[in-house]
Amino acid sequence: MRPVLRGCCKYESLKDGTLGLHDIALMNDALDVRDENERRWLRAVKEQKRGA
């Protein structure tokens, strides 16, 4: 459901078979990468503010 909640696809696409498990897995992987990059960026900004 995470791709739906994040706006990557519509729930109907899951229900009607337009998207398959492989598609969902790819979207989840992409969301994991985005989330990790954001965590790293926020940590770097926080450390930079602390050091400044």
PDB file of N, CA and C in Angstrom:
ATOM      1  N   MET A   1       0.809  -1.203   0.000  1.00  0.00           N
ATOM      2  CA  MET A   1       0.000   0.000   0.000  1.00  0.00           C
ATOM      3  C   MET A   1       0.850   1.264   0.000  1.00  0.00           C
ATOM      4  N   ARG A   2       2.131   1.149   0.355  1.00  0.00           N
ATOM      5  CA  ARG A   2       2.974   2.335   0.428  1.00  0.00           C
ATOM      6  C   ARG A   2       3.029   3.096  -0.896  1.00  0.00           C
ATOM      7  N   PRO A   3       3.175   2.433  -2.055  1.00  0.00           N
ATOM      8  CA  PRO A   3       3.172   3.194  -3.309  1.00  0.00           C
ATOM      9  C   PRO A   3       1.871   3.963  -3.534  1.00  0.00           C
ATOM     10  N   VAL A   4       0.761   3.409  -3.098  1.00  0.00           N
ATOM     11  CA  VAL A   4      -0.522   4.101  -3.233  1.00  0.00           C
ATOM     12  C   VAL A   4      -0.540   5.312  -2.301  1.00  0.00           C
ATOM     13  N   LEU A   5      -0.156   5.106  -1.050  1.00  0.00           N
ATOM     14  CA  LEU A   5      -0.178   6.188  -0.070  1.00  0.00           C
ATOM     15  C   LEU A   5       0.789   7.304  -0.432  1.00  0.00           C
ATOM     16  N   ARG A   6       1.876   6.968  -1.117  1.00  0.00           N
ATOM     17  CA  ARG A   6       2.859   7.977  -1.523  1.00  0.00           C
ATOM     18  C   ARG A   6       2.539   8.596  -2.881  1.00  0.00           C
ATOM     19  N   GLY A   7       1.466   8.161  -3.512  1.00  0.00           N
ATOM     20  CA  GLY A   7       1.042   8.759  -4.767  1.00  0.00           C
ATOM     21  C   GLY A   7       1.749   8.230  -6.001  1.00  0.00           C
ATOM     22  N   CYS A   8       2.403   7.081  -5.900  1.00  0.00           N
ATOM     23  CA  CYS A   8       3.095   6.495  -7.046  1.00  0.00           C
ATOM     24  C   CYS A   8       2.126   5.797  -8.006  1.00  0.00           C
ATOM     25  N   CYS A   9       1.002   5.362  -7.485  1.00  0.00           N
ATOM     26  CA  CYS A   9       0.019   4.676  -8.316  1.00  0.00           C
ATOM     27  C   CYS A   9      -1.339   4.791  -7.647  1.00  0.00           C
ATOM     28  N   LYS A  10      -2.343   4.383  -8.367  1.00  0.00           N
ATOM     29  CA  LYS A  10      -3.704   4.401  -7.831  1.00  0.00           C
ATOM     30  C   LYS A  10      -4.068   2.998  -7.334  1.00  0.00           C
ATOM     31  N   TYR A  11      -4.865   2.964  -6.305  1.00  0.00           N
ATOM     32  CA  TYR A  11      -5.305   1.690  -5.732  1.00  0.00           C
ATOM     33  C   TYR A  11      -6.015   0.829  -6.772  1.00  0.00           C
ATOM     34  N   GLU A  12      -6.766   1.494  -7.637  1.00  0.00           N
ATOM     35  CA  GLU A  12      -7.497   0.762  -8.673  1.00  0.00           C
ATOM     36  C   GLU A  12      -6.566  -0.029  -9.572  1.00  0.00           C
ATOM     37  N   SER A  13      -5.359   0.495  -9.804  1.00  0.00           N
ATOM     38  CA  SER A  13      -4.384  -0.206 -10.643  1.00  0.00           C
ATOM     39  C   SER A  13      -3.926  -1.509 -10.000  1.00  0.00           C
ATOM     40  N   LEU A  14      -3.932  -1.547  -8.679  1.00  0.00           N
ATOM     41  CA  LEU A  14      -3.595  -2.788  -7.984  1.00  0.00           C
ATOM     42  C   LEU A  14      -4.752  -3.768  -8.084  1.00  0.00           C
ATOM     43  N   LYS A  15      -5.951  -3.252  -7.903  1.00  0.00           N
ATOM     44  CA  LYS A  15      -7.128  -4.110  -7.907  1.00  0.00           C
ATOM     45  C   LYS A  15      -7.426  -4.702  -9.275  1.00  0.00           C
ATOM     46  N   ASP A  16      -7.247  -3.897 -10.342  1.00  0.00           N
ATOM     47  CA  ASP A  16      -7.628  -4.395 -11.666  1.00  0.00           C
ATOM     48  C   ASP A  16      -6.504  -5.141 -12.380  1.00  0.00           C
ATOM     49  N   GLY A  17      -5.361  -5.266 -11.736  1.00  0.00           N
ATOM     50  CA  GLY A  17      -4.263  -6.043 -12.314  1.00  0.00           C
ATOM     51  C   GLY A  17      -3.383  -5.271 -13.277  1.00  0.00           C
ATOM     52  N   THR A  18      -3.613  -3.967 -13.408  1.00  0.00           N
ATOM     53  CA  THR A  18      -2.751  -3.157 -14.266  1.00  0.00           C
ATOM     54  C   THR A  18      -1.312  -3.234 -13.784  1.00  0.00           C
ATOM     55  N   LEU A  19      -1.129  -3.220 -12.467  1.00  0.00           N
ATOM     56  CA  LEU A  19       0.197  -3.348 -11.862  1.00  0.00           C
ATOM     57  C   LEU A  19       0.316  -4.709 -11.199  1.00  0.00           C
ATOM     58  N   GLY A  20       1.476  -5.303 -11.345  1.00  0.00           N
ATOM     59  CA  GLY A  20       1.726  -6.597 -10.728  1.00  0.00           C
ATOM     60  C   GLY A  20       2.677  -6.480  -9.553  1.00  0.00           C
ATOM     61  N   LEU A  21       2.991  -7.612  -8.967  1.00  0.00           N
ATOM     62  CA  LEU A  21       3.882  -7.627  -7.812  1.00  0.00           C
ATOM     63  C   LEU A  21       5.260  -7.065  -8.152  1.00  0.00           C
ATOM     64  N   HIS A  22       5.740  -7.337  -9.361  1.00  0.00           N
ATOM     65  CA  HIS A  22       7.037  -6.813  -9.765  1.00  0.00           C
ATOM     66  C   HIS A  22       7.016  -5.287  -9.773  1.00  0.00           C
ATOM     67  N   ASP A  23       5.947  -4.704 -10.266  1.00  0.00           N
ATOM     68  CA  ASP A  23       5.811  -3.247 -10.283  1.00  0.00           C
ATOM     69  C   ASP A  23       5.823  -2.676  -8.867  1.00  0.00           C
ATOM     70  N   ILE A  24       5.095  -3.323  -7.987  1.00  0.00           N
ATOM     71  CA  ILE A  24       5.028  -2.871  -6.596  1.00  0.00           C
ATOM     72  C   ILE A  24       6.399  -2.983  -5.944  1.00  0.00           C
ATOM     73  N   ALA A  25       7.107  -4.076  -6.214  1.00  0.00           N
ATOM     74  CA  ALA A  25       8.450  -4.251  -5.658  1.00  0.00           C
ATOM     75  C   ALA A  25       9.389  -3.148  -6.143  1.00  0.00           C
ATOM     76  N   LEU A  26       9.328  -2.813  -7.419  1.00  0.00           N
ATOM     77  CA  LEU A  26      10.170  -1.740  -7.952  1.00  0.00           C
ATOM     78  C   LEU A  26       9.839  -0.403  -7.289  1.00  0.00           C
ATOM     79  N   MET A  27       8.559  -0.124  -7.126  1.00  0.00           N
ATOM     80  CA  MET A  27       8.176   1.134  -6.480  1.00  0.00           C
ATOM     81  C   MET A  27       8.624   1.172  -5.026  1.00  0.00           C
ATOM     82  N   ASN A  28       8.487   0.040  -4.324  1.00  0.00           N
ATOM     83  CA  ASN A  28       8.935  -0.008  -2.933  1.00  0.00           C
ATOM     84  C   ASN A  28      10.448   0.199  -2.837  1.00  0.00           C
ATOM     85  N   ASP A  29      11.204  -0.405  -3.751  1.00  0.00           N
ATOM     86  CA  ASP A  29      12.658  -0.203  -3.765  1.00  0.00           C
ATOM     87  C   ASP A  29      12.998   1.263  -3.999  1.00  0.00           C
ATOM     88  N   ALA A  30      12.324   1.895  -4.941  1.00  0.00           N
ATOM     89  CA  ALA A  30      12.577   3.307  -5.233  1.00  0.00           C
ATOM     90  C   ALA A  30      12.223   4.182  -4.030  1.00  0.00           C
ATOM     91  N   LEU A  31      11.140   3.863  -3.362  1.00  0.00           N
ATOM     92  CA  LEU A  31      10.756   4.627  -2.177  1.00  0.00           C
ATOM     93  C   LEU A  31      11.756   4.426  -1.043  1.00  0.00           C
ATOM     94  N   ASP A  32      12.286   3.206  -0.905  1.00  0.00           N
ATOM     95  CA  ASP A  32      13.328   2.952   0.101  1.00  0.00           C
ATOM     96  C   ASP A  32      14.551   3.815  -0.158  1.00  0.00           C
ATOM     97  N   VAL A  33      14.962   3.897  -1.420  1.00  0.00           N
ATOM     98  CA  VAL A  33      16.134   4.702  -1.780  1.00  0.00           C
ATOM     99  C   VAL A  33      15.857   6.177  -1.493  1.00  0.00           C
ATOM    100  N   ARG A  34      14.695   6.652  -1.870  1.00  0.00           N
ATOM    101  CA  ARG A  34      14.348   8.052  -1.624  1.00  0.00           C
ATOM    102  C   ARG A  34      14.347   8.355  -0.129  1.00  0.00           C
ATOM    103  N   ASP A  35      13.749   7.468   0.657  1.00  0.00           N
ATOM    104  CA  ASP A  35      13.693   7.673   2.112  1.00  0.00           C
ATOM    105  C   ASP A  35      15.092   7.679   2.719  1.00  0.00           C
ATOM    106  N   GLU A  36      15.949   6.767   2.285  1.00  0.00           N
ATOM    107  CA  GLU A  36      17.317   6.707   2.802  1.00  0.00           C
ATOM    108  C   GLU A  36      18.095   7.963   2.418  1.00  0.00           C
ATOM    109  N   ASN A  37      17.949   8.418   1.189  1.00  0.00           N
ATOM    110  CA  ASN A  37      18.635   9.636   0.759  1.00  0.00           C
ATOM    111  C   ASN A  37      18.175  10.837   1.585  1.00  0.00           C
ATOM    112  N   GLU A  38      16.886  10.907   1.857  1.00  0.00           N
ATOM    113  CA  GLU A  38      16.376  12.014   2.670  1.00  0.00           C
ATOM    114  C   GLU A  38      16.915  11.957   4.087  1.00  0.00           C
ATOM    115  N   ARG A  39      16.977  10.749   4.674  1.00  0.00           N
ATOM    116  CA  ARG A  39      17.537  10.599   6.019  1.00  0.00           C
ATOM    117  C   ARG A  39      18.987  11.062   6.046  1.00  0.00           C
ATOM    118  N   ARG A  40      19.759  10.649   5.034  1.00  0.00           N
ATOM    119  CA  ARG A  40      21.164  11.049   4.981  1.00  0.00           C
ATOM    120  C   ARG A  40      21.314  12.554   4.821  1.00  0.00           C
ATOM    121  N   TRP A  41      20.473  13.156   3.970  1.00  0.00           N
ATOM    122  CA  TRP A  41      20.534  14.590   3.753  1.00  0.00           C
ATOM    123  C   TRP A  41      20.200  15.340   5.044  1.00  0.00           C
ATOM    124  N   LEU A  42      19.135  14.914   5.729  1.00  0.00           N
ATOM    125  CA  LEU A  42      18.754  15.569   6.977  1.00  0.00           C
ATOM    126  C   LEU A  42      19.845  15.438   8.030  1.00  0.00           C
ATOM    127  N   ARG A  43      20.469  14.268   8.107  1.00  0.00           N
ATOM    128  CA  ARG A  43      21.555  14.070   9.058  1.00  0.00           C
ATOM    129  C   ARG A  43      22.728  14.992   8.733  1.00  0.00           C
ATOM    130  N   ALA A  44      23.070  15.118   7.453  1.00  0.00           N
ATOM    131  CA  ALA A  44      24.174  15.977   7.043  1.00  0.00           C
ATOM    132  C   ALA A  44      23.885  17.439   7.359  1.00  0.00           C
ATOM    133  N   VAL A  45      22.656  17.871   7.113  1.00  0.00           N
ATOM    134  CA  VAL A  45      22.276  19.257   7.410  1.00  0.00           C
ATOM    135  C   VAL A  45      22.361  19.507   8.905  1.00  0.00           C
ATOM    136  N   LYS A  46      21.878  18.563   9.687  1.00  0.00           N
ATOM    137  CA  LYS A  46      21.907  18.691  11.143  1.00  0.00           C
ATOM    138  C   LYS A  46      23.350  18.772  11.650  1.00  0.00           C
ATOM    139  N   GLU A  47      24.221  17.916  11.111  1.00  0.00           N
ATOM    140  CA  GLU A  47      25.625  17.927  11.519  1.00  0.00           C
ATOM    141  C   GLU A  47      26.312  19.219  11.087  1.00  0.00           C
ATOM    142  N   GLN A  48      25.948  19.716   9.922  1.00  0.00           N
ATOM    143  CA  GLN A  48      26.545  20.950   9.426  1.00  0.00           C
ATOM    144  C   GLN A  48      26.136  22.125  10.323  1.00  0.00           C
ATOM    145  N   LYS A  49      24.894  22.161  10.745  1.00  0.00           N
ATOM    146  CA  LYS A  49      24.428  23.231  11.631  1.00  0.00           C
ATOM    147  C   LYS A  49      25.113  23.146  12.986  1.00  0.00           C
ATOM    148  N   ARG A  50      25.337  21.946  13.464  1.00  0.00           N
ATOM    149  CA  ARG A  50      26.012  21.755  14.742  1.00  0.00           C
ATOM    150  C   ARG A  50      27.465  22.230  14.687  1.00  0.00           C
ATOM    151  N   GLY A  51      28.104  21.979  13.543  1.00  0.00           N
ATOM    152  CA  GLY A  51      29.509  22.329  13.392  1.00  0.00           C
ATOM    153  C   GLY A  51      29.733  23.789  13.039  1.00  0.00           C
ATOM    154  N   ALA A  52      28.694  24.479  12.632  1.00  0.00           N
ATOM    155  CA  ALA A  52      28.856  25.871  12.186  1.00  0.00           C
ATOM    156  C   ALA A  52      28.815  26.848  13.325  1.00  0.00           C
TER     157      ALA A  52
END
